[in-house]
Amino acid sequence: QLAIRKKLFLNINNVFDKNLFDELFKKINFDTFNVISSFVSVNS
């Protein structure tokens, strides 16, 4: 999977789709949550 992800990382430029995140946020009722954790991406 590391090898697969490295190839994907090199070949896919536009990963953030605002519309998809808006759909997810609506599905999970995002407005009712305050504290969100994410991560700082490393390597691939």
PDB file of all heavy atoms in Angstrom:
ATOM      1  N   GLN A   1       0.818  -1.213   0.000  1.00  0.00           N
ATOM      2  CA  GLN A   1       0.000   0.000   0.000  1.00  0.00           C
ATOM      3  C   GLN A   1       0.853   1.265   0.000  1.00  0.00           C
ATOM      4  O   GLN A   1       0.459   2.275  -0.567  1.00  0.00           O
ATOM      5  CB  GLN A   1      -0.963  -0.008   1.181  1.00  0.00           C
ATOM      6  CG  GLN A   1      -2.093  -1.015   1.045  1.00  0.00           C
ATOM      7  CD  GLN A   1      -2.898  -0.867  -0.232  1.00  0.00           C
ATOM      8  OE1 GLN A   1      -3.055  -1.807  -0.990  1.00  0.00           O
ATOM      9  NE2 GLN A   1      -3.427   0.319  -0.483  1.00  0.00           N
ATOM     10  N   LEU A   2       2.017   1.228   0.623  1.00  0.00           N
ATOM     11  CA  LEU A   2       2.919   2.381   0.568  1.00  0.00           C
ATOM     12  C   LEU A   2       3.341   2.666  -0.869  1.00  0.00           C
ATOM     13  O   LEU A   2       3.353   3.816  -1.305  1.00  0.00           O
ATOM     14  CB  LEU A   2       4.159   2.139   1.437  1.00  0.00           C
ATOM     15  CG  LEU A   2       4.121   2.685   2.850  1.00  0.00           C
ATOM     16  CD1 LEU A   2       5.324   2.215   3.649  1.00  0.00           C
ATOM     17  CD2 LEU A   2       4.039   4.195   2.866  1.00  0.00           C
ATOM     18  N   ALA A   3       3.658   1.595  -1.612  1.00  0.00           N
ATOM     19  CA  ALA A   3       4.059   1.760  -3.014  1.00  0.00           C
ATOM     20  C   ALA A   3       2.898   2.308  -3.836  1.00  0.00           C
ATOM     21  O   ALA A   3       3.082   3.210  -4.661  1.00  0.00           O
ATOM     22  CB  ALA A   3       4.540   0.425  -3.582  1.00  0.00           C
ATOM     23  N   ILE A   4       1.701   1.805  -3.602  1.00  0.00           N
ATOM     24  CA  ILE A   4       0.513   2.284  -4.322  1.00  0.00           C
ATOM     25  C   ILE A   4       0.268   3.751  -3.996  1.00  0.00           C
ATOM     26  O   ILE A   4       0.024   4.572  -4.885  1.00  0.00           O
ATOM     27  CB  ILE A   4      -0.722   1.418  -3.980  1.00  0.00           C
ATOM     28  CG1 ILE A   4      -0.584   0.037  -4.618  1.00  0.00           C
ATOM     29  CG2 ILE A   4      -2.019   2.098  -4.407  1.00  0.00           C
ATOM     30  CD1 ILE A   4      -1.604  -0.985  -4.148  1.00  0.00           C
ATOM     31  N   ARG A   5       0.338   4.100  -2.699  1.00  0.00           N
ATOM     32  CA  ARG A   5       0.058   5.476  -2.308  1.00  0.00           C
ATOM     33  C   ARG A   5       1.080   6.447  -2.888  1.00  0.00           C
ATOM     34  O   ARG A   5       0.736   7.557  -3.282  1.00  0.00           O
ATOM     35  CB  ARG A   5      -0.012   5.593  -0.779  1.00  0.00           C
ATOM     36  CG  ARG A   5      -0.594   6.943  -0.343  1.00  0.00           C
ATOM     37  CD  ARG A   5      -0.728   7.044   1.138  1.00  0.00           C
ATOM     38  NE  ARG A   5       0.594   7.168   1.750  1.00  0.00           N
ATOM     39  CZ  ARG A   5       0.796   7.177   3.059  1.00  0.00           C
ATOM     40  NH1 ARG A   5      -0.212   7.055   3.892  1.00  0.00           N
ATOM     41  NH2 ARG A   5       2.013   7.294   3.552  1.00  0.00           N
ATOM     42  N   LYS A   6       2.336   6.044  -2.944  1.00  0.00           N
ATOM     43  CA  LYS A   6       3.364   6.914  -3.534  1.00  0.00           C
ATOM     44  C   LYS A   6       3.030   7.249  -4.984  1.00  0.00           C
ATOM     45  O   LYS A   6       3.175   8.391  -5.416  1.00  0.00           O
ATOM     46  CB  LYS A   6       4.743   6.255  -3.442  1.00  0.00           C
ATOM     47  CG  LYS A   6       5.358   6.350  -2.066  1.00  0.00           C
ATOM     48  CD  LYS A   6       6.707   5.667  -2.015  1.00  0.00           C
ATOM     49  CE  LYS A   6       7.221   5.667  -0.589  1.00  0.00           C
ATOM     50  NZ  LYS A   6       8.471   4.897  -0.448  1.00  0.00           N
ATOM     51  N   LYS A   7       2.584   6.252  -5.747  1.00  0.00           N
ATOM     52  CA  LYS A   7       2.204   6.485  -7.150  1.00  0.00           C
ATOM     53  C   LYS A   7       1.008   7.430  -7.227  1.00  0.00           C
ATOM     54  O   LYS A   7       0.976   8.332  -8.060  1.00  0.00           O
ATOM     55  CB  LYS A   7       1.878   5.162  -7.843  1.00  0.00           C
ATOM     56  CG  LYS A   7       3.086   4.324  -8.151  1.00  0.00           C
ATOM     57  CD  LYS A   7       2.692   3.039  -8.838  1.00  0.00           C
ATOM     58  CE  LYS A   7       3.895   2.139  -9.010  1.00  0.00           C
ATOM     59  NZ  LYS A   7       3.529   0.819  -9.508  1.00  0.00           N
ATOM     60  N   LEU A   8       0.020   7.207  -6.366  1.00  0.00           N
ATOM     61  CA  LEU A   8      -1.166   8.067  -6.360  1.00  0.00           C
ATOM     62  C   LEU A   8      -0.780   9.503  -6.017  1.00  0.00           C
ATOM     63  O   LEU A   8      -1.247  10.450  -6.639  1.00  0.00           O
ATOM     64  CB  LEU A   8      -2.198   7.550  -5.366  1.00  0.00           C
ATOM     65  CG  LEU A   8      -2.809   6.184  -5.699  1.00  0.00           C
ATOM     66  CD1 LEU A   8      -3.602   5.646  -4.513  1.00  0.00           C
ATOM     67  CD2 LEU A   8      -3.688   6.278  -6.933  1.00  0.00           C
ATOM     68  N   PHE A   9       0.080   9.654  -5.030  1.00  0.00           N
ATOM     69  CA  PHE A   9       0.529  10.975  -4.590  1.00  0.00           C
ATOM     70  C   PHE A   9       1.187  11.739  -5.736  1.00  0.00           C
ATOM     71  O   PHE A   9       0.980  12.939  -5.896  1.00  0.00           O
ATOM     72  CB  PHE A   9       1.497  10.814  -3.415  1.00  0.00           C
ATOM     73  CG  PHE A   9       2.067  12.109  -2.904  1.00  0.00           C
ATOM     74  CD1 PHE A   9       1.330  12.915  -2.073  1.00  0.00           C
ATOM     75  CD2 PHE A   9       3.352  12.517  -3.259  1.00  0.00           C
ATOM     76  CE1 PHE A   9       1.848  14.117  -1.592  1.00  0.00           C
ATOM     77  CE2 PHE A   9       3.873  13.700  -2.786  1.00  0.00           C
ATOM     78  CZ  PHE A   9       3.115  14.509  -1.949  1.00  0.00           C
ATOM     79  N   LEU A  10       1.963  11.037  -6.540  1.00  0.00           N
ATOM     80  CA  LEU A  10       2.674  11.674  -7.648  1.00  0.00           C
ATOM     81  C   LEU A  10       1.760  12.002  -8.830  1.00  0.00           C
ATOM     82  O   LEU A  10       2.046  12.904  -9.604  1.00  0.00           O
ATOM     83  CB  LEU A  10       3.813  10.777  -8.128  1.00  0.00           C
ATOM     84  CG  LEU A  10       4.960  10.590  -7.126  1.00  0.00           C
ATOM     85  CD1 LEU A  10       5.936   9.538  -7.625  1.00  0.00           C
ATOM     86  CD2 LEU A  10       5.677  11.914  -6.880  1.00  0.00           C
ATOM     87  N   ASN A  11       0.653  11.269  -8.958  1.00  0.00           N
ATOM     88  CA  ASN A  11      -0.194  11.403 -10.148  1.00  0.00           C
ATOM     89  C   ASN A  11      -1.509  12.143  -9.941  1.00  0.00           C
ATOM     90  O   ASN A  11      -2.172  12.487 -10.912  1.00  0.00           O
ATOM     91  CB  ASN A  11      -0.476  10.019 -10.739  1.00  0.00           C
ATOM     92  CG  ASN A  11       0.787   9.390 -11.287  1.00  0.00           C
ATOM     93  OD1 ASN A  11       1.545  10.030 -11.978  1.00  0.00           O
ATOM     94  ND2 ASN A  11       1.021   8.131 -10.941  1.00  0.00           N
ATOM     95  N   ILE A  12      -1.913  12.361  -8.704  1.00  0.00           N
ATOM     96  CA  ILE A  12      -3.196  13.035  -8.454  1.00  0.00           C
ATOM     97  C   ILE A  12      -2.908  14.390  -7.817  1.00  0.00           C
ATOM     98  O   ILE A  12      -2.380  14.466  -6.710  1.00  0.00           O
ATOM     99  CB  ILE A  12      -4.115  12.193  -7.539  1.00  0.00           C
ATOM    100  CG1 ILE A  12      -4.408  10.844  -8.188  1.00  0.00           C
ATOM    101  CG2 ILE A  12      -5.415  12.940  -7.247  1.00  0.00           C
ATOM    102  CD1 ILE A  12      -5.179   9.879  -7.305  1.00  0.00           C
ATOM    103  N   ASN A  13      -3.262  15.442  -8.517  1.00  0.00           N
ATOM    104  CA  ASN A  13      -2.953  16.789  -8.038  1.00  0.00           C
ATOM    105  C   ASN A  13      -4.073  17.408  -7.214  1.00  0.00           C
ATOM    106  O   ASN A  13      -3.833  17.995  -6.172  1.00  0.00           O
ATOM    107  CB  ASN A  13      -2.624  17.707  -9.214  1.00  0.00           C
ATOM    108  CG  ASN A  13      -1.361  17.277  -9.914  1.00  0.00           C
ATOM    109  OD1 ASN A  13      -0.431  16.835  -9.272  1.00  0.00           O
ATOM    110  ND2 ASN A  13      -1.342  17.386 -11.231  1.00  0.00           N
ATOM    111  N   ASN A  14      -5.290  17.304  -7.676  1.00  0.00           N
ATOM    112  CA  ASN A  14      -6.401  17.987  -7.017  1.00  0.00           C
ATOM    113  C   ASN A  14      -7.161  17.011  -6.112  1.00  0.00           C
ATOM    114  O   ASN A  14      -8.050  16.302  -6.569  1.00  0.00           O
ATOM    115  CB  ASN A  14      -7.336  18.598  -8.066  1.00  0.00           C
ATOM    116  CG  ASN A  14      -8.326  19.542  -7.449  1.00  0.00           C
ATOM    117  OD1 ASN A  14      -8.170  19.957  -6.305  1.00  0.00           O
ATOM    118  ND2 ASN A  14      -9.348  19.890  -8.199  1.00  0.00           N
ATOM    119  N   VAL A  15      -6.804  16.991  -4.837  1.00  0.00           N
ATOM    120  CA  VAL A  15      -7.407  16.008  -3.943  1.00  0.00           C
ATOM    121  C   VAL A  15      -8.580  16.560  -3.133  1.00  0.00           C
ATOM    122  O   VAL A  15      -9.429  15.812  -2.685  1.00  0.00           O
ATOM    123  CB  VAL A  15      -6.367  15.398  -2.969  1.00  0.00           C
ATOM    124  CG1 VAL A  15      -5.336  14.597  -3.732  1.00  0.00           C
ATOM    125  CG2 VAL A  15      -5.722  16.451  -2.099  1.00  0.00           C
ATOM    126  N   PHE A  16      -8.615  17.863  -2.943  1.00  0.00           N
ATOM    127  CA  PHE A  16      -9.651  18.456  -2.092  1.00  0.00           C
ATOM    128  C   PHE A  16     -10.842  18.886  -2.944  1.00  0.00           C
ATOM    129  O   PHE A  16     -10.720  19.764  -3.789  1.00  0.00           O
ATOM    130  CB  PHE A  16      -9.107  19.657  -1.316  1.00  0.00           C
ATOM    131  CG  PHE A  16     -10.118  20.274  -0.394  1.00  0.00           C
ATOM    132  CD1 PHE A  16     -10.379  19.706   0.840  1.00  0.00           C
ATOM    133  CD2 PHE A  16     -10.824  21.406  -0.764  1.00  0.00           C
ATOM    134  CE1 PHE A  16     -11.320  20.276   1.697  1.00  0.00           C
ATOM    135  CE2 PHE A  16     -11.764  21.982   0.089  1.00  0.00           C
ATOM    136  CZ  PHE A  16     -12.011  21.404   1.325  1.00  0.00           C
ATOM    137  N   ASP A  17     -11.983  18.246  -2.710  1.00  0.00           N
ATOM    138  CA  ASP A  17     -13.214  18.594  -3.410  1.00  0.00           C
ATOM    139  C   ASP A  17     -14.173  19.210  -2.394  1.00  0.00           C
ATOM    140  O   ASP A  17     -14.768  18.500  -1.587  1.00  0.00           O
ATOM    141  CB  ASP A  17     -13.823  17.352  -4.066  1.00  0.00           C
ATOM    142  CG  ASP A  17     -15.059  17.658  -4.891  1.00  0.00           C
ATOM    143  OD1 ASP A  17     -15.760  18.652  -4.606  1.00  0.00           O
ATOM    144  OD2 ASP A  17     -15.343  16.881  -5.821  1.00  0.00           O
ATOM    145  N   LYS A  18     -14.283  20.525  -2.417  1.00  0.00           N
ATOM    146  CA  LYS A  18     -15.126  21.251  -1.464  1.00  0.00           C
ATOM    147  C   LYS A  18     -16.557  20.721  -1.454  1.00  0.00           C
ATOM    148  O   LYS A  18     -17.174  20.582  -0.399  1.00  0.00           O
ATOM    149  CB  LYS A  18     -15.105  22.746  -1.797  1.00  0.00           C
ATOM    150  CG  LYS A  18     -15.936  23.607  -0.879  1.00  0.00           C
ATOM    151  CD  LYS A  18     -15.910  25.061  -1.354  1.00  0.00           C
ATOM    152  CE  LYS A  18     -16.871  25.937  -0.624  1.00  0.00           C
ATOM    153  NZ  LYS A  18     -18.262  25.586  -0.774  1.00  0.00           N
ATOM    154  N   ASN A  19     -17.095  20.382  -2.624  1.00  0.00           N
ATOM    155  CA  ASN A  19     -18.469  19.884  -2.708  1.00  0.00           C
ATOM    156  C   ASN A  19     -18.637  18.558  -1.966  1.00  0.00           C
ATOM    157  O   ASN A  19     -19.656  18.335  -1.298  1.00  0.00           O
ATOM    158  CB  ASN A  19     -18.910  19.734  -4.164  1.00  0.00           C
ATOM    159  CG  ASN A  19     -19.015  21.073  -4.860  1.00  0.00           C
ATOM    160  OD1 ASN A  19     -19.339  22.092  -4.242  1.00  0.00           O
ATOM    161  ND2 ASN A  19     -18.719  21.095  -6.145  1.00  0.00           N
ATOM    162  N   LEU A  20     -17.637  17.694  -2.065  1.00  0.00           N
ATOM    163  CA  LEU A  20     -17.705  16.420  -1.333  1.00  0.00           C
ATOM    164  C   LEU A  20     -17.666  16.664   0.178  1.00  0.00           C
ATOM    165  O   LEU A  20     -18.402  16.027   0.934  1.00  0.00           O
ATOM    166  CB  LEU A  20     -16.540  15.514  -1.727  1.00  0.00           C
ATOM    167  CG  LEU A  20     -16.723  14.624  -2.936  1.00  0.00           C
ATOM    168  CD1 LEU A  20     -15.459  13.819  -3.206  1.00  0.00           C
ATOM    169  CD2 LEU A  20     -17.909  13.699  -2.769  1.00  0.00           C
ATOM    170  N   PHE A  21     -16.804  17.576   0.596  1.00  0.00           N
ATOM    171  CA  PHE A  21     -16.737  17.876   2.033  1.00  0.00           C
ATOM    172  C   PHE A  21     -18.032  18.516   2.515  1.00  0.00           C
ATOM    173  O   PHE A  21     -18.510  18.211   3.606  1.00  0.00           O
ATOM    174  CB  PHE A  21     -15.507  18.719   2.372  1.00  0.00           C
ATOM    175  CG  PHE A  21     -14.283  17.883   2.536  1.00  0.00           C
ATOM    176  CD1 PHE A  21     -13.438  17.638   1.466  1.00  0.00           C
ATOM    177  CD2 PHE A  21     -13.984  17.282   3.752  1.00  0.00           C
ATOM    178  CE1 PHE A  21     -12.318  16.834   1.601  1.00  0.00           C
ATOM    179  CE2 PHE A  21     -12.879  16.476   3.900  1.00  0.00           C
ATOM    180  CZ  PHE A  21     -12.040  16.252   2.826  1.00  0.00           C
ATOM    181  N   ASP A  22     -18.618  19.382   1.714  1.00  0.00           N
ATOM    182  CA  ASP A  22     -19.908  19.967   2.088  1.00  0.00           C
ATOM    183  C   ASP A  22     -20.982  18.888   2.223  1.00  0.00           C
ATOM    184  O   ASP A  22     -21.813  18.927   3.140  1.00  0.00           O
ATOM    185  CB  ASP A  22     -20.346  21.020   1.064  1.00  0.00           C
ATOM    186  CG  ASP A  22     -19.542  22.311   1.188  1.00  0.00           C
ATOM    187  OD1 ASP A  22     -18.891  22.528   2.234  1.00  0.00           O
ATOM    188  OD2 ASP A  22     -19.564  23.108   0.226  1.00  0.00           O
ATOM    189  N   GLU A  23     -20.943  17.918   1.318  1.00  0.00           N
ATOM    190  CA  GLU A  23     -21.902  16.797   1.392  1.00  0.00           C
ATOM    191  C   GLU A  23     -21.681  15.988   2.671  1.00  0.00           C
ATOM    192  O   GLU A  23     -22.630  15.634   3.369  1.00  0.00           O
ATOM    193  CB  GLU A  23     -21.727  15.912   0.153  1.00  0.00           C
ATOM    194  CG  GLU A  23     -22.700  14.766   0.073  1.00  0.00           C
ATOM    195  CD  GLU A  23     -22.439  13.878  -1.141  1.00  0.00           C
ATOM    196  OE1 GLU A  23     -21.947  14.382  -2.178  1.00  0.00           O
ATOM    197  OE2 GLU A  23     -22.725  12.675  -1.046  1.00  0.00           O
ATOM    198  N   LEU A  24     -20.416  15.696   2.977  1.00  0.00           N
ATOM    199  CA  LEU A  24     -20.106  14.969   4.213  1.00  0.00           C
ATOM    200  C   LEU A  24     -20.541  15.773   5.424  1.00  0.00           C
ATOM    201  O   LEU A  24     -21.172  15.238   6.348  1.00  0.00           O
ATOM    202  CB  LEU A  24     -18.607  14.664   4.300  1.00  0.00           C
ATOM    203  CG  LEU A  24     -18.145  14.047   5.624  1.00  0.00           C
ATOM    204  CD1 LEU A  24     -18.686  12.630   5.789  1.00  0.00           C
ATOM    205  CD2 LEU A  24     -16.625  14.057   5.728  1.00  0.00           C
ATOM    206  N   PHE A  25     -20.229  17.065   5.444  1.00  0.00           N
ATOM    207  CA  PHE A  25     -20.570  17.909   6.589  1.00  0.00           C
ATOM    208  C   PHE A  25     -22.080  17.965   6.810  1.00  0.00           C
ATOM    209  O   PHE A  25     -22.546  17.967   7.948  1.00  0.00           O
ATOM    210  CB  PHE A  25     -19.995  19.316   6.404  1.00  0.00           C
ATOM    211  CG  PHE A  25     -18.482  19.385   6.494  1.00  0.00           C
ATOM    212  CD1 PHE A  25     -17.814  20.548   6.153  1.00  0.00           C
ATOM    213  CD2 PHE A  25     -17.720  18.296   6.903  1.00  0.00           C
ATOM    214  CE1 PHE A  25     -16.434  20.633   6.240  1.00  0.00           C
ATOM    215  CE2 PHE A  25     -16.338  18.362   6.992  1.00  0.00           C
ATOM    216  CZ  PHE A  25     -15.691  19.531   6.650  1.00  0.00           C
ATOM    217  N   LYS A  26     -22.829  17.981   5.740  1.00  0.00           N
ATOM    218  CA  LYS A  26     -24.285  17.975   5.858  1.00  0.00           C
ATOM    219  C   LYS A  26     -24.762  16.631   6.435  1.00  0.00           C
ATOM    220  O   LYS A  26     -25.614  16.588   7.328  1.00  0.00           O
ATOM    221  CB  LYS A  26     -24.915  18.224   4.481  1.00  0.00           C
ATOM    222  CG  LYS A  26     -26.408  18.386   4.508  1.00  0.00           C
ATOM    223  CD  LYS A  26     -26.943  18.748   3.134  1.00  0.00           C
ATOM    224  CE  LYS A  26     -28.438  18.923   3.188  1.00  0.00           C
ATOM    225  NZ  LYS A  26     -29.009  19.220   1.872  1.00  0.00           N
ATOM    226  N   LYS A  27     -24.170  15.560   5.946  1.00  0.00           N
ATOM    227  CA  LYS A  27     -24.537  14.206   6.378  1.00  0.00           C
ATOM    228  C   LYS A  27     -24.296  13.992   7.871  1.00  0.00           C
ATOM    229  O   LYS A  27     -25.092  13.353   8.555  1.00  0.00           O
ATOM    230  CB  LYS A  27     -23.723  13.192   5.565  1.00  0.00           C
ATOM    231  CG  LYS A  27     -24.111  11.754   5.764  1.00  0.00           C
ATOM    232  CD  LYS A  27     -23.235  10.833   4.910  1.00  0.00           C
ATOM    233  CE  LYS A  27     -23.579  11.022   3.455  1.00  0.00           C
ATOM    234  NZ  LYS A  27     -23.815   9.777   2.733  1.00  0.00           N
ATOM    235  N   ILE A  28     -23.195  14.554   8.389  1.00  0.00           N
ATOM    236  CA  ILE A  28     -22.849  14.329   9.800  1.00  0.00           C
ATOM    237  C   ILE A  28     -23.297  15.476  10.704  1.00  0.00           C
ATOM    238  O   ILE A  28     -23.018  15.461  11.898  1.00  0.00           O
ATOM    239  CB  ILE A  28     -21.336  14.074   9.977  1.00  0.00           C
ATOM    240  CG1 ILE A  28     -20.504  15.295   9.581  1.00  0.00           C
ATOM    241  CG2 ILE A  28     -20.906  12.828   9.246  1.00  0.00           C
ATOM    242  CD1 ILE A  28     -19.011  15.152   9.820  1.00  0.00           C
ATOM    243  N   ASN A  29     -23.997  16.457  10.110  1.00  0.00           N
ATOM    244  CA  ASN A  29     -24.474  17.614  10.877  1.00  0.00           C
ATOM    245  C   ASN A  29     -23.298  18.372  11.504  1.00  0.00           C
ATOM    246  O   ASN A  29     -23.270  18.662  12.698  1.00  0.00           O
ATOM    247  CB  ASN A  29     -25.488  17.173  11.929  1.00  0.00           C
ATOM    248  CG  ASN A  29     -26.434  18.277  12.307  1.00  0.00           C
ATOM    249  OD1 ASN A  29     -26.414  19.365  11.723  1.00  0.00           O
ATOM    250  ND2 ASN A  29     -27.270  18.026  13.291  1.00  0.00           N
ATOM    251  N   PHE A  30     -22.329  18.698  10.672  1.00  0.00           N
ATOM    252  CA  PHE A  30     -21.060  19.308  11.054  1.00  0.00           C
ATOM    253  C   PHE A  30     -21.225  20.569  11.899  1.00  0.00           C
ATOM    254  O   PHE A  30     -20.418  20.841  12.782  1.00  0.00           O
ATOM    255  CB  PHE A  30     -20.270  19.622   9.770  1.00  0.00           C
ATOM    256  CG  PHE A  30     -18.859  20.077   9.982  1.00  0.00           C
ATOM    257  CD1 PHE A  30     -17.866  19.182  10.344  1.00  0.00           C
ATOM    258  CD2 PHE A  30     -18.506  21.404   9.779  1.00  0.00           C
ATOM    259  CE1 PHE A  30     -16.552  19.599  10.504  1.00  0.00           C
ATOM    260  CE2 PHE A  30     -17.194  21.832   9.936  1.00  0.00           C
ATOM    261  CZ  PHE A  30     -16.221  20.923  10.296  1.00  0.00           C
ATOM    262  N   ASP A  31     -22.275  21.332  11.632  1.00  0.00           N
ATOM    263  CA  ASP A  31     -22.485  22.592  12.358  1.00  0.00           C
ATOM    264  C   ASP A  31     -22.644  22.398  13.860  1.00  0.00           C
ATOM    265  O   ASP A  31     -22.425  23.326  14.631  1.00  0.00           O
ATOM    266  CB  ASP A  31     -23.712  23.334  11.808  1.00  0.00           C
ATOM    267  CG  ASP A  31     -23.453  23.890  10.414  1.00  0.00           C
ATOM    268  OD1 ASP A  31     -22.277  24.034  10.030  1.00  0.00           O
ATOM    269  OD2 ASP A  31     -24.439  24.166   9.702  1.00  0.00           O
ATOM    270  N   THR A  32     -23.022  21.187  14.291  1.00  0.00           N
ATOM    271  CA  THR A  32     -23.245  20.935  15.717  1.00  0.00           C
ATOM    272  C   THR A  32     -21.955  20.554  16.461  1.00  0.00           C
ATOM    273  O   THR A  32     -21.978  20.357  17.668  1.00  0.00           O
ATOM    274  CB  THR A  32     -24.290  19.818  15.923  1.00  0.00           C
ATOM    275  OG1 THR A  32     -23.785  18.593  15.366  1.00  0.00           O
ATOM    276  CG2 THR A  32     -25.614  20.176  15.269  1.00  0.00           C
ATOM    277  N   PHE A  33     -20.850  20.441  15.737  1.00  0.00           N
ATOM    278  CA  PHE A  33     -19.570  20.063  16.350  1.00  0.00           C
ATOM    279  C   PHE A  33     -18.646  21.270  16.403  1.00  0.00           C
ATOM    280  O   PHE A  33     -18.706  22.152  15.551  1.00  0.00           O
ATOM    281  CB  PHE A  33     -18.902  18.937  15.549  1.00  0.00           C
ATOM    282  CG  PHE A  33     -19.698  17.664  15.526  1.00  0.00           C
ATOM    283  CD1 PHE A  33     -20.534  17.383  14.455  1.00  0.00           C
ATOM    284  CD2 PHE A  33     -19.639  16.776  16.569  1.00  0.00           C
ATOM    285  CE1 PHE A  33     -21.279  16.215  14.427  1.00  0.00           C
ATOM    286  CE2 PHE A  33     -20.384  15.604  16.558  1.00  0.00           C
ATOM    287  CZ  PHE A  33     -21.206  15.330  15.475  1.00  0.00           C
ATOM    288  N   ASN A  34     -17.780  21.298  17.407  1.00  0.00           N
ATOM    289  CA  ASN A  34     -16.862  22.422  17.576  1.00  0.00           C
ATOM    290  C   ASN A  34     -15.391  22.070  17.427  1.00  0.00           C
ATOM    291  O   ASN A  34     -14.622  22.841  16.886  1.00  0.00           O
ATOM    292  CB  ASN A  34     -17.069  23.082  18.947  1.00  0.00           C
ATOM    293  CG  ASN A  34     -18.408  23.767  19.045  1.00  0.00           C
ATOM    294  OD1 ASN A  34     -18.805  24.479  18.125  1.00  0.00           O
ATOM    295  ND2 ASN A  34     -19.117  23.538  20.131  1.00  0.00           N
ATOM    296  N   VAL A  35     -14.996  20.907  17.952  1.00  0.00           N
ATOM    297  CA  VAL A  35     -13.577  20.547  17.990  1.00  0.00           C
ATOM    298  C   VAL A  35     -13.313  19.421  16.982  1.00  0.00           C
ATOM    299  O   VAL A  35     -13.852  18.324  17.107  1.00  0.00           O
ATOM    300  CB  VAL A  35     -13.144  20.107  19.406  1.00  0.00           C
ATOM    301  CG1 VAL A  35     -11.648  19.761  19.426  1.00  0.00           C
ATOM    302  CG2 VAL A  35     -13.452  21.193  20.427  1.00  0.00           C
ATOM    303  N   ILE A  36     -12.490  19.750  16.005  1.00  0.00           N
ATOM    304  CA  ILE A  36     -12.209  18.823  14.905  1.00  0.00           C
ATOM    305  C   ILE A  36     -10.717  18.537  14.883  1.00  0.00           C
ATOM    306  O   ILE A  36      -9.903  19.463  14.922  1.00  0.00           O
ATOM    307  CB  ILE A  36     -12.609  19.436  13.544  1.00  0.00           C
ATOM    308  CG1 ILE A  36     -13.972  20.140  13.597  1.00  0.00           C
ATOM    309  CG2 ILE A  36     -12.516  18.399  12.425  1.00  0.00           C
ATOM    310  CD1 ILE A  36     -15.150  19.289  13.945  1.00  0.00           C
ATOM    311  N   SER A  37     -10.355  17.263  14.791  1.00  0.00           N
ATOM    312  CA  SER A  37      -8.936  16.943  14.641  1.00  0.00           C
ATOM    313  C   SER A  37      -8.656  16.543  13.200  1.00  0.00           C
ATOM    314  O   SER A  37      -9.485  15.941  12.523  1.00  0.00           O
ATOM    315  CB  SER A  37      -8.502  15.829  15.593  1.00  0.00           C
ATOM    316  OG  SER A  37      -8.837  14.560  15.085  1.00  0.00           O
ATOM    317  N   SER A  38      -7.495  16.932  12.752  1.00  0.00           N
ATOM    318  CA  SER A  38      -7.012  16.544  11.433  1.00  0.00           C
ATOM    319  C   SER A  38      -5.556  16.148  11.619  1.00  0.00           C
ATOM    320  O   SER A  38      -5.138  15.823  12.740  1.00  0.00           O
ATOM    321  CB  SER A  38      -7.188  17.697  10.448  1.00  0.00           C
ATOM    322  OG  SER A  38      -6.777  17.323   9.148  1.00  0.00           O
ATOM    323  N   PHE A  39      -4.792  16.195  10.566  1.00  0.00           N
ATOM    324  CA  PHE A  39      -3.373  15.852  10.660  1.00  0.00           C
ATOM    325  C   PHE A  39      -2.616  16.656   9.611  1.00  0.00           C
ATOM    326  O   PHE A  39      -3.206  17.169   8.669  1.00  0.00           O
ATOM    327  CB  PHE A  39      -3.152  14.346  10.486  1.00  0.00           C
ATOM    328  CG  PHE A  39      -3.685  13.783   9.185  1.00  0.00           C
ATOM    329  CD1 PHE A  39      -2.857  13.562   8.098  1.00  0.00           C
ATOM    330  CD2 PHE A  39      -5.036  13.457   9.048  1.00  0.00           C
ATOM    331  CE1 PHE A  39      -3.347  13.050   6.907  1.00  0.00           C
ATOM    332  CE2 PHE A  39      -5.537  12.936   7.861  1.00  0.00           C
ATOM    333  CZ  PHE A  39      -4.693  12.728   6.789  1.00  0.00           C
ATOM    334  N   VAL A  40      -1.331  16.796   9.818  1.00  0.00           N
ATOM    335  CA  VAL A  40      -0.467  17.427   8.837  1.00  0.00           C
ATOM    336  C   VAL A  40       0.108  16.291   8.008  1.00  0.00           C
ATOM    337  O   VAL A  40       0.815  15.424   8.527  1.00  0.00           O
ATOM    338  CB  VAL A  40       0.659  18.239   9.508  1.00  0.00           C
ATOM    339  CG1 VAL A  40       1.615  18.795   8.465  1.00  0.00           C
ATOM    340  CG2 VAL A  40       0.066  19.366  10.343  1.00  0.00           C
ATOM    341  N   SER A  41      -0.229  16.272   6.732  1.00  0.00           N
ATOM    342  CA  SER A  41       0.188  15.162   5.878  1.00  0.00           C
ATOM    343  C   SER A  41       1.710  15.111   5.745  1.00  0.00           C
ATOM    344  O   SER A  41       2.370  16.144   5.682  1.00  0.00           O
ATOM    345  CB  SER A  41      -0.485  15.251   4.516  1.00  0.00           C
ATOM    346  OG  SER A  41      -0.442  16.559   4.022  1.00  0.00           O
ATOM    347  N   VAL A  42       2.218  13.895   5.751  1.00  0.00           N
ATOM    348  CA  VAL A  42       3.657  13.665   5.583  1.00  0.00           C
ATOM    349  C   VAL A  42       3.867  12.671   4.446  1.00  0.00           C
ATOM    350  O   VAL A  42       2.980  11.880   4.119  1.00  0.00           O
ATOM    351  CB  VAL A  42       4.328  13.133   6.875  1.00  0.00           C
ATOM    352  CG1 VAL A  42       4.251  14.161   7.993  1.00  0.00           C
ATOM    353  CG2 VAL A  42       3.729  11.820   7.333  1.00  0.00           C
ATOM    354  N   ASN A  43       5.041  12.739   3.874  1.00  0.00           N
ATOM    355  CA  ASN A  43       5.444  11.825   2.802  1.00  0.00           C
ATOM    356  C   ASN A  43       4.383  11.779   1.703  1.00  0.00           C
ATOM    357  O   ASN A  43       4.051  12.792   1.133  1.00  0.00           O
ATOM    358  CB  ASN A  43       5.768  10.445   3.375  1.00  0.00           C
ATOM    359  CG  ASN A  43       6.847  10.524   4.434  1.00  0.00           C
ATOM    360  OD1 ASN A  43       7.819  11.261   4.276  1.00  0.00           O
ATOM    361  ND2 ASN A  43       6.683   9.800   5.521  1.00  0.00           N
ATOM    362  N   SER A  44       3.815  10.611   1.446  1.00  0.00           N
ATOM    363  CA  SER A  44       2.855  10.479   0.345  1.00  0.00           C
ATOM    364  C   SER A  44       1.398  10.480   0.812  1.00  0.00           C
ATOM    365  O   SER A  44       0.502  10.106   0.051  1.00  0.00           O
ATOM    366  CB  SER A  44       3.145   9.190  -0.439  1.00  0.00           C
ATOM    367  OG  SER A  44       3.005   8.058   0.409  1.00  0.00           O
TER     368      SER A  44
END
